[in-house]
Amino acid sequence: TAYTLFAKIRNVIARRESILKQRTPFFPPPRRPHLCWCRGSQHQHQEAAGGEGRGEERGALAAEMAAPPPKAWKAEYAKSGRSSCKSCKSPIAKDALRLGKMVQATQFDGFMPMWNHAKCILNKKNQIKSVDDVEGIDALRWDDQEKIRNYAANSSTTSTATATASSTAAISDKCAIEVAQSARASCRRCSEKIAKGTVRVSSKLDGQGWYHVSCFLEMSPTASVEKFPGWETLSHDDRGAIIDVVKKGAASKRKHGDHSFSSLFLT
């Protein structure tokens, strides 16, 4: 009958499908990437496992790049006589004290020392700022340690003196001193009038303005008023009175409201 024939055909098809499955391995169809709309542009989401793996790689690379650099200098005794001094270009003898400036290497990811004779570095100025910047100093002989420590101490003192001189020069460049030609100007510190004929200071440190000499010295006690432009135009008595005030610190003892030249510089 028709039903029996249909059943036989169905069994034959099922048997062939089972045979094909046994002969050919089953490969699932490729997974379509999940698409979504984000900020108006279509992009593919990364697989969770792959994203985590790449995240770990990026984290390790960032940690390696974030590693702090070594100290600026390295001190040791030469292990051989193959290295040359970068300052004088002559060889560095074995067991001689050498100082290496740590620089970024070009052939690998890291730092390498640029070796110099210790005397070549110590004869220069402003090379080693602090003993804390020298790696391996504790492994040196005591006399060699003292050489580096004394050099660093002198460099620190020189830097402080240079900074102080620069600050004083900056104040001198922005100030001037003169005798007031009128009584129209007011002191920017005490807001009182500067009497005609009294010495006043023009300063641009905090905007253009005039100051009583004593008020200015209260703000800048280390200022060298004798280096201000206009100092040479003052009379001998005026200059002597101002120098006395600077030496004795009379500016801080000035009474409020008394701004005449004679009262400012009474000893």
Protein backbone atom coordinates (compact mmCIF):
# COMPACT_ATOMS: atom_id res chain seq x y z
CA THR A 1 0.00 0.00 0.00
CA ALA A 2 0.97 3.64 -0.21
CA TYR A 3 1.49 3.90 3.54
CA THR A 4 3.88 0.93 3.57
CA LEU A 5 5.85 2.38 0.63
CA PHE A 6 6.15 5.75 2.36
CA ALA A 7 7.41 4.09 5.54
CA LYS A 8 10.11 2.19 3.62
CA ILE A 9 11.30 5.37 1.89
CA ARG A 10 11.48 7.19 5.23
CA ASN A 11 13.53 4.36 6.78
CA VAL A 12 15.97 4.39 3.84
CA ILE A 13 16.48 8.16 4.16
CA ALA A 14 17.03 7.90 7.91
CA ARG A 15 19.56 5.08 7.42
CA ARG A 16 21.52 7.11 4.86
CA GLU A 17 21.61 10.14 7.15
CA SER A 18 22.98 8.04 10.00
CA ILE A 19 25.68 6.59 7.72
CA LEU A 20 26.70 10.07 6.55
CA LYS A 21 26.93 11.32 10.12
CA GLN A 22 29.24 8.44 11.02
CA ARG A 23 31.53 9.03 8.03
CA THR A 24 31.70 12.87 8.16
CA PRO A 25 32.48 14.63 11.47
CA PHE A 26 29.94 17.19 12.47
CA PHE A 27 31.15 20.77 12.39
CA PRO A 28 28.76 23.29 13.88
CA PRO A 29 28.15 26.37 11.78
CA PRO A 30 30.33 29.37 12.65
CA ARG A 31 28.87 31.56 15.29
CA ARG A 32 27.72 34.88 13.96
CA PRO A 33 29.12 37.86 15.85
CA HIS A 34 26.64 39.64 18.04
CA LEU A 35 25.89 43.05 16.61
CA CYS A 36 24.55 45.93 18.60
CA TRP A 37 24.12 49.64 18.25
CA CYS A 38 26.39 51.72 20.48
CA ARG A 39 26.82 55.49 20.10
CA GLY A 40 25.34 55.33 16.63
CA SER A 41 27.93 52.89 15.21
CA GLN A 42 27.73 49.12 14.77
CA HIS A 43 30.52 47.06 16.36
CA GLN A 44 31.21 43.47 17.35
CA HIS A 45 31.40 42.36 20.96
CA GLN A 46 34.54 40.47 21.90
CA GLU A 47 34.31 37.00 23.34
CA ALA A 48 34.60 37.00 27.11
CA ALA A 49 37.51 34.58 27.23
CA GLY A 50 39.46 36.34 24.51
CA GLY A 51 38.85 39.74 26.10
CA GLU A 52 40.11 38.55 29.46
CA GLY A 53 43.26 37.10 27.89
CA ARG A 54 44.06 40.29 26.04
CA GLY A 55 43.31 42.29 29.18
CA GLU A 56 45.86 40.25 31.14
CA GLU A 57 48.47 40.82 28.42
CA ARG A 58 47.82 44.56 28.42
CA GLY A 59 48.00 44.63 32.23
CA ALA A 60 51.36 42.85 32.26
CA LEU A 61 52.74 45.22 29.61
CA ALA A 62 51.49 48.27 31.51
CA ALA A 63 53.07 46.99 34.73
CA GLU A 64 56.38 46.48 32.94
CA MET A 65 56.29 49.97 31.43
CA ALA A 66 55.29 51.51 34.77
CA ALA A 67 58.32 50.03 36.54
CA PRO A 68 60.27 52.86 38.17
CA PRO A 69 63.59 53.72 36.50
CA PRO A 70 66.83 53.05 38.40
CA LYS A 71 68.76 55.73 40.22
CA ALA A 72 70.32 58.43 38.08
CA TRP A 73 73.89 57.28 38.78
CA LYS A 74 75.68 54.00 39.41
CA ALA A 75 79.02 53.69 41.20
CA GLU A 76 81.28 50.65 41.13
CA TYR A 77 84.81 49.46 40.51
CA ALA A 78 85.46 48.48 36.89
CA LYS A 79 85.19 44.73 36.39
CA SER A 80 87.51 44.85 33.37
CA GLY A 81 89.45 47.32 31.26
CA ARG A 82 87.15 47.20 28.25
CA SER A 83 84.95 50.22 29.04
CA SER A 84 85.85 53.77 28.00
CA CYS A 85 85.13 57.08 29.67
CA LYS A 86 82.42 59.08 27.90
CA SER A 87 84.02 62.33 29.08
CA CYS A 88 87.71 61.95 28.21
CA LYS A 89 87.31 58.99 25.77
CA SER A 90 90.19 57.10 27.44
CA PRO A 91 89.90 53.52 28.77
CA ILE A 92 88.86 52.89 32.35
CA ALA A 93 91.36 50.59 34.06
CA LYS A 94 90.22 47.47 35.85
CA ASP A 95 89.29 48.01 39.53
CA ALA A 96 89.22 51.79 38.98
CA LEU A 97 86.29 53.71 40.44
CA ARG A 98 83.80 54.62 37.74
CA LEU A 99 80.49 56.46 37.73
CA GLY A 100 77.78 55.62 35.23
CA LYS A 101 74.99 57.94 34.13
CA MET A 102 71.87 55.79 33.66
CA VAL A 103 70.25 56.39 30.27
CA GLN A 104 67.52 54.70 28.24
CA ALA A 105 68.96 51.82 26.23
CA THR A 106 68.46 51.77 22.47
CA GLN A 107 68.99 48.03 21.88
CA PHE A 108 66.62 46.74 24.57
CA ASP A 109 63.84 47.88 26.85
CA GLY A 110 65.64 49.14 29.94
CA PHE A 111 68.43 51.38 31.21
CA MET A 112 72.19 51.17 30.81
CA PRO A 113 75.10 53.08 32.40
CA MET A 114 77.28 55.49 30.43
CA TRP A 115 80.56 54.98 32.27
CA ASN A 116 82.97 57.77 33.21
CA HIS A 117 86.07 58.07 35.32
CA ALA A 118 85.02 59.17 38.78
CA LYS A 119 87.47 62.09 38.61
CA CYS A 120 86.00 63.24 35.29
CA ILE A 121 82.54 63.51 36.85
CA LEU A 122 83.70 64.97 40.16
CA ASN A 123 85.63 67.69 38.33
CA LYS A 124 82.43 68.91 36.67
CA LYS A 125 79.69 70.98 38.27
CA ASN A 126 76.10 70.02 39.06
CA GLN A 127 76.35 66.37 38.08
CA ILE A 128 75.33 64.41 41.20
CA LYS A 129 72.59 66.29 43.05
CA SER A 130 72.22 63.92 46.00
CA VAL A 131 73.81 60.80 47.44
CA ASP A 132 70.41 59.11 47.16
CA ASP A 133 70.78 59.29 43.36
CA VAL A 134 73.85 57.00 43.38
CA GLU A 135 73.33 53.25 43.24
CA GLY A 136 76.01 51.09 44.86
CA ILE A 137 77.66 53.82 46.91
CA ASP A 138 77.47 51.70 50.07
CA ALA A 139 79.62 49.00 48.44
CA LEU A 140 82.53 51.41 47.84
CA ARG A 141 85.52 52.01 50.06
CA TRP A 142 85.00 54.64 52.71
CA ASP A 143 87.32 57.24 51.16
CA ASP A 144 85.55 56.88 47.80
CA GLN A 145 82.19 57.25 49.50
CA GLU A 146 83.37 60.45 51.15
CA LYS A 147 84.45 61.89 47.80
CA ILE A 148 80.97 61.42 46.37
CA ARG A 149 79.22 62.62 49.54
CA ASN A 150 81.31 65.80 49.69
CA TYR A 151 80.68 66.48 46.01
CA ALA A 152 76.90 66.05 46.44
CA ALA A 153 76.89 68.30 49.52
CA ASN A 154 78.79 71.05 47.67
CA SER A 155 76.46 70.74 44.68
CA SER A 156 73.44 71.18 46.94
CA THR A 157 74.96 74.28 48.55
CA THR A 158 75.85 75.74 45.15
CA SER A 159 72.34 75.11 43.83
CA THR A 160 70.79 76.84 46.85
CA ALA A 161 73.08 79.84 46.46
CA THR A 162 72.33 80.03 42.74
CA ALA A 163 68.59 79.89 43.38
CA THR A 164 68.87 82.66 45.98
CA ALA A 165 70.90 84.83 43.61
CA SER A 166 68.40 84.24 40.82
CA SER A 167 65.51 85.20 43.10
CA THR A 168 67.29 88.39 44.17
CA ALA A 169 68.05 89.26 40.55
CA ALA A 170 64.40 88.69 39.60
CA ILE A 171 63.26 91.09 42.33
CA SER A 172 65.79 93.71 41.24
CA ASP A 173 64.61 93.51 37.62
CA LYS A 174 61.00 94.23 38.60
CA CYS A 175 61.58 97.05 41.09
CA ALA A 176 62.79 100.64 41.08
CA ILE A 177 63.42 103.24 43.76
CA GLU A 178 63.01 107.02 43.61
CA VAL A 179 61.96 110.13 45.51
CA ALA A 180 58.22 110.84 45.24
CA GLN A 181 57.54 113.88 43.05
CA SER A 182 54.01 114.34 44.42
CA ALA A 183 51.68 113.03 47.12
CA ARG A 184 49.10 111.49 44.77
CA ALA A 185 50.33 107.87 44.98
CA SER A 186 49.22 105.51 47.76
CA CYS A 187 51.10 102.58 49.22
CA ARG A 188 49.64 99.28 48.05
CA ARG A 189 50.44 97.61 51.37
CA CYS A 190 49.11 100.09 53.93
CA SER A 191 46.84 102.04 51.50
CA GLU A 192 48.09 105.39 52.83
CA LYS A 193 49.46 108.30 50.84
CA ILE A 194 53.17 108.51 50.10
CA ALA A 195 54.29 112.02 51.05
CA LYS A 196 56.06 114.17 48.51
CA GLY A 197 59.84 114.06 48.86
CA THR A 198 59.93 110.65 50.56
CA VAL A 199 61.62 107.62 49.05
CA ARG A 200 59.27 105.11 47.47
CA VAL A 201 59.66 101.77 45.68
CA SER A 202 57.94 100.82 42.45
CA SER A 203 57.30 97.08 42.23
CA LYS A 204 55.85 94.82 39.53
CA LEU A 205 56.01 91.65 41.62
CA ASP A 206 52.31 91.81 42.48
CA GLY A 207 51.14 94.20 39.80
CA GLN A 208 52.33 97.73 39.17
CA GLY A 209 52.24 99.91 42.28
CA TRP A 210 54.11 102.12 44.74
CA TYR A 211 55.22 101.22 48.26
CA HIS A 212 56.78 102.90 51.23
CA VAL A 213 60.33 101.62 51.59
CA SER A 214 59.51 100.13 54.98
CA CYS A 215 56.35 98.44 53.66
CA PHE A 216 58.29 96.95 50.78
CA LEU A 217 61.03 95.64 53.08
CA GLU A 218 58.38 94.02 55.27
CA MET A 219 57.17 92.08 52.23
CA SER A 220 60.64 91.33 50.81
CA PRO A 221 63.17 91.50 53.66
CA THR A 222 65.92 89.91 51.52
CA ALA A 223 65.60 92.40 48.66
CA SER A 224 68.80 94.23 47.73
CA VAL A 225 67.43 97.75 47.41
CA GLU A 226 70.89 99.10 46.57
CA LYS A 227 70.66 97.20 43.26
CA PHE A 228 67.32 98.72 42.24
CA PRO A 229 67.25 101.08 39.26
CA GLY A 230 67.25 104.65 40.52
CA TRP A 231 69.44 103.96 43.55
CA GLU A 232 72.24 106.10 42.17
CA THR A 233 69.89 109.08 41.81
CA LEU A 234 69.18 109.19 45.56
CA SER A 235 71.08 111.55 47.78
CA HIS A 236 73.85 110.30 50.02
CA ASP A 237 71.73 110.86 53.13
CA ASP A 238 68.76 108.96 51.69
CA ARG A 239 70.91 106.00 50.73
CA GLY A 240 72.60 105.91 54.13
CA ALA A 241 69.25 106.01 55.92
CA ILE A 242 67.86 103.14 53.84
CA ILE A 243 70.96 101.02 54.43
CA ASP A 244 70.63 101.60 58.17
CA VAL A 245 67.01 100.44 58.04
CA VAL A 246 67.99 97.28 56.17
CA LYS A 247 70.75 96.48 58.65
CA LYS A 248 68.80 97.16 61.84
CA GLY A 249 65.41 95.88 60.73
CA ALA A 250 63.75 99.18 61.60
CA ALA A 251 61.17 98.67 58.83
CA SER A 252 59.25 96.13 60.92
CA LYS A 253 59.11 98.56 63.85
CA ARG A 254 57.60 101.47 61.94
CA LYS A 255 54.52 102.94 63.64
CA HIS A 256 51.31 102.77 61.67
CA GLY A 257 50.41 106.06 60.01
CA ASP A 258 53.82 107.71 60.27
CA HIS A 259 55.20 107.79 56.72
CA SER A 260 57.42 110.87 56.66
CA PHE A 261 60.94 110.23 55.45
CA SER A 262 62.52 111.26 58.75
CA SER A 263 60.27 109.04 60.84
CA LEU A 264 60.77 106.07 58.52
CA PHE A 265 64.50 106.03 59.03
CA LEU A 266 64.97 107.12 62.63
CA THR A 267 67.53 104.94 64.40
